[in-house]
Amino acid sequence: WRGKWKTEGGSLLMNQAIHTLDIYQWILGGVSEVCGMHDN
């Protein structure tokens, strides 16, 4: 299931980085706007 859009929904951001993303946005009180890029 790893590494597939359907089953993982994203790899780096949905699996490894998601905890840091959560703490980052939680400490600062939430995010209102996002502009992102990603690649393999």
All heavy atoms as atom14 arrays in JSON, in Angstrom:
{
  "sequence": "WRGKWKTEGGSLLMNQAIHTLDIYQWILGGVSEVCGMHDN",
  "atom14_mask": [
    [1, 1, 1, 1, 1, 1, 1, 1, 1, 1, 1, 1, 1, 1],
    [1, 1, 1, 1, 1, 1, 1, 1, 1, 1, 1, 0, 0, 0],
    [1, 1, 1, 1, 0, 0, 0, 0, 0, 0, 0, 0, 0, 0],
    [1, 1, 1, 1, 1, 1, 1, 1, 1, 0, 0, 0, 0, 0],
    [1, 1, 1, 1, 1, 1, 1, 1, 1, 1, 1, 1, 1, 1],
    [1, 1, 1, 1, 1, 1, 1, 1, 1, 0, 0, 0, 0, 0],
    [1, 1, 1, 1, 1, 1, 1, 0, 0, 0, 0, 0, 0, 0],
    [1, 1, 1, 1, 1, 1, 1, 1, 1, 0, 0, 0, 0, 0],
    [1, 1, 1, 1, 0, 0, 0, 0, 0, 0, 0, 0, 0, 0],
    [1, 1, 1, 1, 0, 0, 0, 0, 0, 0, 0, 0, 0, 0],
    [1, 1, 1, 1, 1, 1, 0, 0, 0, 0, 0, 0, 0, 0],
    [1, 1, 1, 1, 1, 1, 1, 1, 0, 0, 0, 0, 0, 0],
    [1, 1, 1, 1, 1, 1, 1, 1, 0, 0, 0, 0, 0, 0],
    [1, 1, 1, 1, 1, 1, 1, 1, 0, 0, 0, 0, 0, 0],
    [1, 1, 1, 1, 1, 1, 1, 1, 0, 0, 0, 0, 0, 0],
    [1, 1, 1, 1, 1, 1, 1, 1, 1, 0, 0, 0, 0, 0],
    [1, 1, 1, 1, 1, 0, 0, 0, 0, 0, 0, 0, 0, 0],
    [1, 1, 1, 1, 1, 1, 1, 1, 0, 0, 0, 0, 0, 0],
    [1, 1, 1, 1, 1, 1, 1, 1, 1, 1, 0, 0, 0, 0],
    [1, 1, 1, 1, 1, 1, 1, 0, 0, 0, 0, 0, 0, 0],
    [1, 1, 1, 1, 1, 1, 1, 1, 0, 0, 0, 0, 0, 0],
    [1, 1, 1, 1, 1, 1, 1, 1, 0, 0, 0, 0, 0, 0],
    [1, 1, 1, 1, 1, 1, 1, 1, 0, 0, 0, 0, 0, 0],
    [1, 1, 1, 1, 1, 1, 1, 1, 1, 1, 1, 1, 0, 0],
    [1, 1, 1, 1, 1, 1, 1, 1, 1, 0, 0, 0, 0, 0],
    [1, 1, 1, 1, 1, 1, 1, 1, 1, 1, 1, 1, 1, 1],
    [1, 1, 1, 1, 1, 1, 1, 1, 0, 0, 0, 0, 0, 0],
    [1, 1, 1, 1, 1, 1, 1, 1, 0, 0, 0, 0, 0, 0],
    [1, 1, 1, 1, 0, 0, 0, 0, 0, 0, 0, 0, 0, 0],
    [1, 1, 1, 1, 0, 0, 0, 0, 0, 0, 0, 0, 0, 0],
    [1, 1, 1, 1, 1, 1, 1, 0, 0, 0, 0, 0, 0, 0],
    [1, 1, 1, 1, 1, 1, 0, 0, 0, 0, 0, 0, 0, 0],
    [1, 1, 1, 1, 1, 1, 1, 1, 1, 0, 0, 0, 0, 0],
    [1, 1, 1, 1, 1, 1, 1, 0, 0, 0, 0, 0, 0, 0],
    [1, 1, 1, 1, 1, 1, 0, 0, 0, 0, 0, 0, 0, 0],
    [1, 1, 1, 1, 0, 0, 0, 0, 0, 0, 0, 0, 0, 0],
    [1, 1, 1, 1, 1, 1, 1, 1, 0, 0, 0, 0, 0, 0],
    [1, 1, 1, 1, 1, 1, 1, 1, 1, 1, 0, 0, 0, 0],
    [1, 1, 1, 1, 1, 1, 1, 1, 0, 0, 0, 0, 0, 0],
    [1, 1, 1, 1, 1, 1, 1, 1, 0, 0, 0, 0, 0, 0]
  ],
  "atom14_positions": [
    [[0.81, -1.22, 0.0], [0.0, 0.0, 0.0], [0.85, 1.28, 0.0], [0.35, 2.35, -0.34], [-0.94, 0.02, 1.2], [-0.26, -0.04, 2.53], [0.09, -1.16, 3.23], [0.15, 1.07, 3.35], [0.7, -0.82, 4.42], [0.74, 0.54, 4.51], [0.07, 2.47, 3.2], [1.26, 1.34, 5.53], [0.58, 3.26, 4.22], [1.16, 2.71, 5.36]],
    [[2.1, 1.16, 0.35], [2.95, 2.35, 0.43], [3.29, 2.88, -0.96], [3.47, 2.11, -1.91], [4.25, 2.03, 1.17], [4.05, 1.74, 2.64], [5.35, 1.35, 3.31], [5.16, 1.1, 4.74], [6.04, 0.49, 5.52], [7.18, 0.06, 5.01], [5.79, 0.31, 6.8], [0.0, 0.0, 0.0], [0.0, 0.0, 0.0], [0.0, 0.0, 0.0]],
    [[3.39, 4.2, -1.06], [3.85, 4.82, -2.3], [2.82, 4.91, -3.39], [3.17, 5.21, -4.54], [0.0, 0.0, 0.0], [0.0, 0.0, 0.0], [0.0, 0.0, 0.0], [0.0, 0.0, 0.0], [0.0, 0.0, 0.0], [0.0, 0.0, 0.0], [0.0, 0.0, 0.0], [0.0, 0.0, 0.0], [0.0, 0.0, 0.0], [0.0, 0.0, 0.0]],
    [[1.55, 4.7, -3.06], [0.48, 4.77, -4.06], [-0.54, 5.82, -3.64], [-0.92, 5.91, -2.47], [-0.21, 3.41, -4.22], [0.72, 2.32, -4.74], [0.0, 0.99, -4.86], [0.89, -0.07, -5.49], [2.08, -0.37, -4.66], [0.0, 0.0, 0.0], [0.0, 0.0, 0.0], [0.0, 0.0, 0.0], [0.0, 0.0, 0.0], [0.0, 0.0, 0.0]],
    [[-0.99, 6.62, -4.6], [-1.95, 7.68, -4.29], [-3.22, 7.12, -3.68], [-3.74, 7.67, -2.71], [-2.27, 8.49, -5.55], [-1.16, 9.36, -6.0], [-0.44, 9.27, -7.16], [-0.62, 10.51, -5.3], [0.52, 10.25, -7.21], [0.43, 11.04, -6.1], [-0.91, 11.12, -4.09], [1.16, 12.15, -5.72], [-0.18, 12.23, -3.7], [0.84, 12.74, -4.51]],
    [[-3.74, 6.04, -4.24], [-5.03, 5.53, -3.77], [-4.96, 5.02, -2.34], [-5.87, 5.28, -1.54], [-5.51, 4.41, -4.7], [-6.88, 3.85, -4.29], [-7.37, 2.77, -5.24], [-8.72, 2.24, -4.79], [-9.22, 1.17, -5.69], [0.0, 0.0, 0.0], [0.0, 0.0, 0.0], [0.0, 0.0, 0.0], [0.0, 0.0, 0.0], [0.0, 0.0, 0.0]],
    [[-3.91, 4.31, -2.01], [-3.86, 3.64, -0.71], [-3.11, 4.41, 0.37], [-3.44, 4.3, 1.55], [-3.24, 2.24, -0.86], [-2.02, 2.35, -1.6], [-4.2, 1.3, -1.57], [0.0, 0.0, 0.0], [0.0, 0.0, 0.0], [0.0, 0.0, 0.0], [0.0, 0.0, 0.0], [0.0, 0.0, 0.0], [0.0, 0.0, 0.0], [0.0, 0.0, 0.0]],
    [[-2.09, 5.19, -0.01], [-1.36, 5.97, 0.99], [-1.8, 7.43, 1.0], [-1.71, 8.11, 2.02], [0.15, 5.87, 0.78], [0.93, 6.37, 1.98], [2.43, 6.09, 1.87], [2.95, 5.92, 0.75], [3.1, 6.07, 2.92], [0.0, 0.0, 0.0], [0.0, 0.0, 0.0], [0.0, 0.0, 0.0], [0.0, 0.0, 0.0], [0.0, 0.0, 0.0]],
    [[-2.26, 7.92, -0.16], [-2.76, 9.3, -0.24], [-1.66, 10.34, -0.34], [-1.92, 11.54, -0.26], [0.0, 0.0, 0.0], [0.0, 0.0, 0.0], [0.0, 0.0, 0.0], [0.0, 0.0, 0.0], [0.0, 0.0, 0.0], [0.0, 0.0, 0.0], [0.0, 0.0, 0.0], [0.0, 0.0, 0.0], [0.0, 0.0, 0.0], [0.0, 0.0, 0.0]],
    [[-0.44, 9.89, -0.56], [0.75, 10.73, -0.48], [1.72, 10.03, 0.45], [1.29, 9.36, 1.4], [0.0, 0.0, 0.0], [0.0, 0.0, 0.0], [0.0, 0.0, 0.0], [0.0, 0.0, 0.0], [0.0, 0.0, 0.0], [0.0, 0.0, 0.0], [0.0, 0.0, 0.0], [0.0, 0.0, 0.0], [0.0, 0.0, 0.0], [0.0, 0.0, 0.0]],
    [[3.0, 10.15, 0.2], [3.96, 9.41, 1.03], [4.64, 10.3, 2.06], [4.35, 10.22, 3.25], [5.0, 8.73, 0.12], [4.39, 7.69, -0.6], [0.0, 0.0, 0.0], [0.0, 0.0, 0.0], [0.0, 0.0, 0.0], [0.0, 0.0, 0.0], [0.0, 0.0, 0.0], [0.0, 0.0, 0.0], [0.0, 0.0, 0.0], [0.0, 0.0, 0.0]],
    [[5.51, 11.18, 1.62], [6.23, 12.05, 2.55], [5.28, 12.82, 3.46], [5.39, 12.78, 4.69], [7.1, 13.02, 1.75], [7.63, 14.23, 2.52], [8.66, 13.8, 3.55], [8.21, 15.25, 1.56], [0.0, 0.0, 0.0], [0.0, 0.0, 0.0], [0.0, 0.0, 0.0], [0.0, 0.0, 0.0], [0.0, 0.0, 0.0], [0.0, 0.0, 0.0]],
    [[4.34, 13.55, 2.86], [3.5, 14.45, 3.65], [2.44, 13.73, 4.46], [2.07, 14.17, 5.54], [2.84, 15.49, 2.74], [3.79, 16.5, 2.11], [3.04, 17.41, 1.15], [4.51, 17.33, 3.16], [0.0, 0.0, 0.0], [0.0, 0.0, 0.0], [0.0, 0.0, 0.0], [0.0, 0.0, 0.0], [0.0, 0.0, 0.0], [0.0, 0.0, 0.0]],
    [[1.94, 12.62, 3.96], [0.87, 11.9, 4.65], [1.4, 10.86, 5.64], [0.63, 10.33, 6.45], [-0.03, 11.22, 3.63], [-0.86, 12.19, 2.81], [-2.17, 12.97, 3.77], [-3.35, 11.63, 3.81], [0.0, 0.0, 0.0], [0.0, 0.0, 0.0], [0.0, 0.0, 0.0], [0.0, 0.0, 0.0], [0.0, 0.0, 0.0], [0.0, 0.0, 0.0]],
    [[2.69, 10.58, 5.57], [3.22, 9.54, 6.43], [4.35, 10.05, 7.32], [4.22, 10.09, 8.55], [3.71, 8.36, 5.58], [3.67, 7.04, 6.34], [3.76, 7.02, 7.56], [3.54, 5.94, 5.63], [0.0, 0.0, 0.0], [0.0, 0.0, 0.0], [0.0, 0.0, 0.0], [0.0, 0.0, 0.0], [0.0, 0.0, 0.0], [0.0, 0.0, 0.0]],
    [[5.46, 10.48, 6.73], [6.61, 10.88, 7.55], [6.47, 12.29, 8.13], [6.7, 12.51, 9.31], [7.91, 10.79, 6.73], [8.38, 9.37, 6.49], [7.61, 8.68, 5.38], [7.47, 9.22, 4.28], [7.09, 7.5, 5.65], [0.0, 0.0, 0.0], [0.0, 0.0, 0.0], [0.0, 0.0, 0.0], [0.0, 0.0, 0.0], [0.0, 0.0, 0.0]],
    [[6.11, 13.27, 7.3], [6.11, 14.67, 7.73], [4.84, 15.09, 8.46], [4.79, 16.18, 9.04], [6.34, 15.59, 6.53], [0.0, 0.0, 0.0], [0.0, 0.0, 0.0], [0.0, 0.0, 0.0], [0.0, 0.0, 0.0], [0.0, 0.0, 0.0], [0.0, 0.0, 0.0], [0.0, 0.0, 0.0], [0.0, 0.0, 0.0], [0.0, 0.0, 0.0]],
    [[3.83, 14.24, 8.46], [2.52, 14.69, 8.94], [2.53, 15.07, 10.43], [1.82, 15.98, 10.85], [1.43, 13.64, 8.64], [0.03, 14.28, 8.79], [1.6, 12.39, 9.49], [-1.07, 13.48, 8.17], [0.0, 0.0, 0.0], [0.0, 0.0, 0.0], [0.0, 0.0, 0.0], [0.0, 0.0, 0.0], [0.0, 0.0, 0.0], [0.0, 0.0, 0.0]],
    [[3.37, 14.4, 11.23], [3.44, 14.75, 12.65], [4.03, 16.15, 12.83], [3.54, 16.93, 13.65], [4.29, 13.73, 13.4], [3.57, 12.46, 13.7], [2.45, 12.39, 14.49], [3.82, 11.19, 13.3], [2.03, 11.15, 14.59], [2.85, 10.39, 13.87], [0.0, 0.0, 0.0], [0.0, 0.0, 0.0], [0.0, 0.0, 0.0], [0.0, 0.0, 0.0]],
    [[5.08, 16.47, 12.07], [5.67, 17.79, 12.18], [4.73, 18.85, 11.62], [4.62, 19.95, 12.18], [7.03, 17.83, 11.45], [7.79, 16.7, 11.82], [7.81, 19.09, 11.81], [0.0, 0.0, 0.0], [0.0, 0.0, 0.0], [0.0, 0.0, 0.0], [0.0, 0.0, 0.0], [0.0, 0.0, 0.0], [0.0, 0.0, 0.0], [0.0, 0.0, 0.0]],
    [[4.05, 18.53, 10.53], [3.02, 19.43, 10.0], [1.97, 19.73, 11.06], [1.54, 20.88, 11.23], [2.33, 18.8, 8.79], [2.98, 18.91, 7.42], [2.16, 18.12, 6.4], [3.14, 20.36, 6.98], [0.0, 0.0, 0.0], [0.0, 0.0, 0.0], [0.0, 0.0, 0.0], [0.0, 0.0, 0.0], [0.0, 0.0, 0.0], [0.0, 0.0, 0.0]],
    [[1.55, 18.7, 11.77], [0.51, 18.89, 12.78], [0.98, 19.8, 13.9], [0.27, 20.73, 14.29], [0.07, 17.54, 13.35], [-1.01, 17.71, 14.39], [-2.12, 18.16, 14.04], [-0.76, 17.42, 15.58], [0.0, 0.0, 0.0], [0.0, 0.0, 0.0], [0.0, 0.0, 0.0], [0.0, 0.0, 0.0], [0.0, 0.0, 0.0], [0.0, 0.0, 0.0]],
    [[2.17, 19.53, 14.43], [2.68, 20.36, 15.52], [2.89, 21.8, 15.05], [2.56, 22.76, 15.77], [3.99, 19.76, 16.07], [3.69, 18.48, 16.85], [4.74, 20.75, 16.94], [2.78, 18.68, 18.05], [0.0, 0.0, 0.0], [0.0, 0.0, 0.0], [0.0, 0.0, 0.0], [0.0, 0.0, 0.0], [0.0, 0.0, 0.0], [0.0, 0.0, 0.0]],
    [[3.42, 21.96, 13.86], [3.67, 23.28, 13.27], [2.39, 24.1, 13.2], [2.34, 25.24, 13.7], [4.27, 23.05, 11.88], [4.55, 24.27, 11.03], [5.52, 25.2, 11.36], [3.87, 24.43, 9.81], [5.81, 26.27, 10.54], [4.16, 25.5, 8.98], [5.12, 26.42, 9.35], [5.41, 27.48, 8.52], [0.0, 0.0, 0.0], [0.0, 0.0, 0.0]],
    [[1.34, 23.54, 12.61], [0.11, 24.31, 12.47], [-0.61, 24.46, 13.81], [-1.25, 25.47, 14.06], [-0.81, 23.67, 11.41], [-1.37, 22.3, 11.71], [-2.61, 22.32, 12.58], [-3.36, 23.29, 12.56], [-2.83, 21.25, 13.34], [0.0, 0.0, 0.0], [0.0, 0.0, 0.0], [0.0, 0.0, 0.0], [0.0, 0.0, 0.0], [0.0, 0.0, 0.0]],
    [[-0.48, 23.46, 14.69], [-1.16, 23.5, 15.99], [-0.56, 24.57, 16.9], [-1.29, 25.34, 17.53], [-1.06, 22.12, 16.63], [-1.73, 21.97, 17.96], [-3.06, 22.07, 18.24], [-1.08, 21.65, 19.2], [-3.29, 21.83, 19.58], [-2.09, 21.57, 20.18], [0.24, 21.39, 19.56], [-1.81, 21.26, 21.52], [0.52, 21.08, 20.89], [-0.5, 21.02, 21.85]],
    [[0.76, 24.62, 16.96], [1.43, 25.63, 17.79], [1.05, 27.04, 17.34], [0.8, 27.93, 18.16], [2.96, 25.45, 17.74], [3.38, 24.24, 18.58], [3.69, 26.7, 18.23], [4.86, 23.92, 18.5], [0.0, 0.0, 0.0], [0.0, 0.0, 0.0], [0.0, 0.0, 0.0], [0.0, 0.0, 0.0], [0.0, 0.0, 0.0], [0.0, 0.0, 0.0]],
    [[0.97, 27.24, 16.03], [0.72, 28.58, 15.49], [-0.77, 28.91, 15.4], [-1.13, 30.03, 15.03], [1.36, 28.71, 14.11], [2.84, 29.14, 14.04], [3.05, 30.52, 14.62], [3.76, 28.14, 14.67], [0.0, 0.0, 0.0], [0.0, 0.0, 0.0], [0.0, 0.0, 0.0], [0.0, 0.0, 0.0], [0.0, 0.0, 0.0], [0.0, 0.0, 0.0]],
    [[-1.65, 27.98, 15.7], [-3.08, 28.28, 15.73], [-3.82, 28.03, 14.45], [-4.93, 28.56, 14.26], [0.0, 0.0, 0.0], [0.0, 0.0, 0.0], [0.0, 0.0, 0.0], [0.0, 0.0, 0.0], [0.0, 0.0, 0.0], [0.0, 0.0, 0.0], [0.0, 0.0, 0.0], [0.0, 0.0, 0.0], [0.0, 0.0, 0.0], [0.0, 0.0, 0.0]],
    [[-3.28, 27.22, 13.56], [-3.99, 26.83, 12.35], [-3.63, 27.66, 11.14], [-3.16, 28.79, 11.25], [0.0, 0.0, 0.0], [0.0, 0.0, 0.0], [0.0, 0.0, 0.0], [0.0, 0.0, 0.0], [0.0, 0.0, 0.0], [0.0, 0.0, 0.0], [0.0, 0.0, 0.0], [0.0, 0.0, 0.0], [0.0, 0.0, 0.0], [0.0, 0.0, 0.0]],
    [[-3.84, 27.05, 9.97], [-3.47, 27.64, 8.68], [-4.72, 28.04, 7.91], [-5.69, 27.29, 7.84], [-2.65, 26.62, 7.86], [-2.46, 27.08, 6.43], [-1.3, 26.38, 8.54], [0.0, 0.0, 0.0], [0.0, 0.0, 0.0], [0.0, 0.0, 0.0], [0.0, 0.0, 0.0], [0.0, 0.0, 0.0], [0.0, 0.0, 0.0], [0.0, 0.0, 0.0]],
    [[-4.68, 29.23, 7.3], [-5.83, 29.71, 6.52], [-5.6, 29.63, 5.02], [-6.55, 29.47, 4.25], [-6.16, 31.16, 6.9], [-5.06, 32.01, 6.65], [0.0, 0.0, 0.0], [0.0, 0.0, 0.0], [0.0, 0.0, 0.0], [0.0, 0.0, 0.0], [0.0, 0.0, 0.0], [0.0, 0.0, 0.0], [0.0, 0.0, 0.0], [0.0, 0.0, 0.0]],
    [[-4.33, 29.75, 4.56], [-4.03, 29.7, 3.13], [-2.78, 28.86, 2.9], [-1.85, 28.88, 3.71], [-3.8, 31.1, 2.57], [-4.99, 32.03, 2.66], [-4.66, 33.41, 2.12], [-4.34, 33.52, 0.93], [-4.69, 34.37, 2.93], [0.0, 0.0, 0.0], [0.0, 0.0, 0.0], [0.0, 0.0, 0.0], [0.0, 0.0, 0.0], [0.0, 0.0, 0.0]],
    [[-2.77, 28.14, 1.77], [-1.64, 27.25, 1.44], [-1.35, 27.34, -0.05], [-2.26, 27.35, -0.87], [-1.97, 25.77, 1.78], [-0.75, 24.88, 1.49], [-2.42, 25.62, 3.2], [0.0, 0.0, 0.0], [0.0, 0.0, 0.0], [0.0, 0.0, 0.0], [0.0, 0.0, 0.0], [0.0, 0.0, 0.0], [0.0, 0.0, 0.0], [0.0, 0.0, 0.0]],
    [[-0.06, 27.36, -0.38], [0.37, 27.23, -1.77], [1.57, 26.28, -1.77], [2.6, 26.6, -1.17], [0.76, 28.58, -2.36], [1.31, 28.48, -4.08], [0.0, 0.0, 0.0], [0.0, 0.0, 0.0], [0.0, 0.0, 0.0], [0.0, 0.0, 0.0], [0.0, 0.0, 0.0], [0.0, 0.0, 0.0], [0.0, 0.0, 0.0], [0.0, 0.0, 0.0]],
    [[1.43, 25.1, -2.39], [2.47, 24.1, -2.28], [2.91, 23.5, -3.6], [2.22, 23.63, -4.62], [0.0, 0.0, 0.0], [0.0, 0.0, 0.0], [0.0, 0.0, 0.0], [0.0, 0.0, 0.0], [0.0, 0.0, 0.0], [0.0, 0.0, 0.0], [0.0, 0.0, 0.0], [0.0, 0.0, 0.0], [0.0, 0.0, 0.0], [0.0, 0.0, 0.0]],
    [[4.06, 22.87, -3.56], [4.59, 22.12, -4.69], [5.17, 20.82, -4.16], [5.63, 20.74, -3.02], [5.69, 22.9, -5.41], [5.23, 24.22, -5.99], [6.58, 25.08, -6.86], [6.77, 24.04, -8.31], [0.0, 0.0, 0.0], [0.0, 0.0, 0.0], [0.0, 0.0, 0.0], [0.0, 0.0, 0.0], [0.0, 0.0, 0.0], [0.0, 0.0, 0.0]],
    [[5.16, 19.79, -5.01], [5.72, 18.5, -4.6], [6.24, 17.77, -5.83], [5.85, 18.05, -6.96], [4.66, 17.64, -3.9], [3.52, 17.25, -4.79], [3.5, 16.07, -5.51], [2.37, 17.89, -5.09], [2.38, 16.0, -6.2], [1.68, 17.09, -5.97], [0.0, 0.0, 0.0], [0.0, 0.0, 0.0], [0.0, 0.0, 0.0], [0.0, 0.0, 0.0]],
    [[7.15, 16.82, -5.6], [7.71, 16.05, -6.71], [8.3, 14.75, -6.17], [8.51, 14.6, -4.96], [8.8, 16.86, -7.41], [8.97, 16.46, -8.89], [8.54, 15.34, -9.25], [9.54, 17.26, -9.64], [0.0, 0.0, 0.0], [0.0, 0.0, 0.0], [0.0, 0.0, 0.0], [0.0, 0.0, 0.0], [0.0, 0.0, 0.0], [0.0, 0.0, 0.0]],
    [[8.53, 13.83, -7.08], [9.26, 12.6, -6.78], [10.64, 12.76, -7.41], [10.81, 12.57, -8.61], [8.52, 11.39, -7.37], [9.23, 10.08, -7.09], [10.37, 10.06, -6.64], [8.54, 8.97, -7.34], [0.0, 0.0, 0.0], [0.0, 0.0, 0.0], [0.0, 0.0, 0.0], [0.0, 0.0, 0.0], [0.0, 0.0, 0.0], [0.0, 0.0, 0.0]]
  ]
}
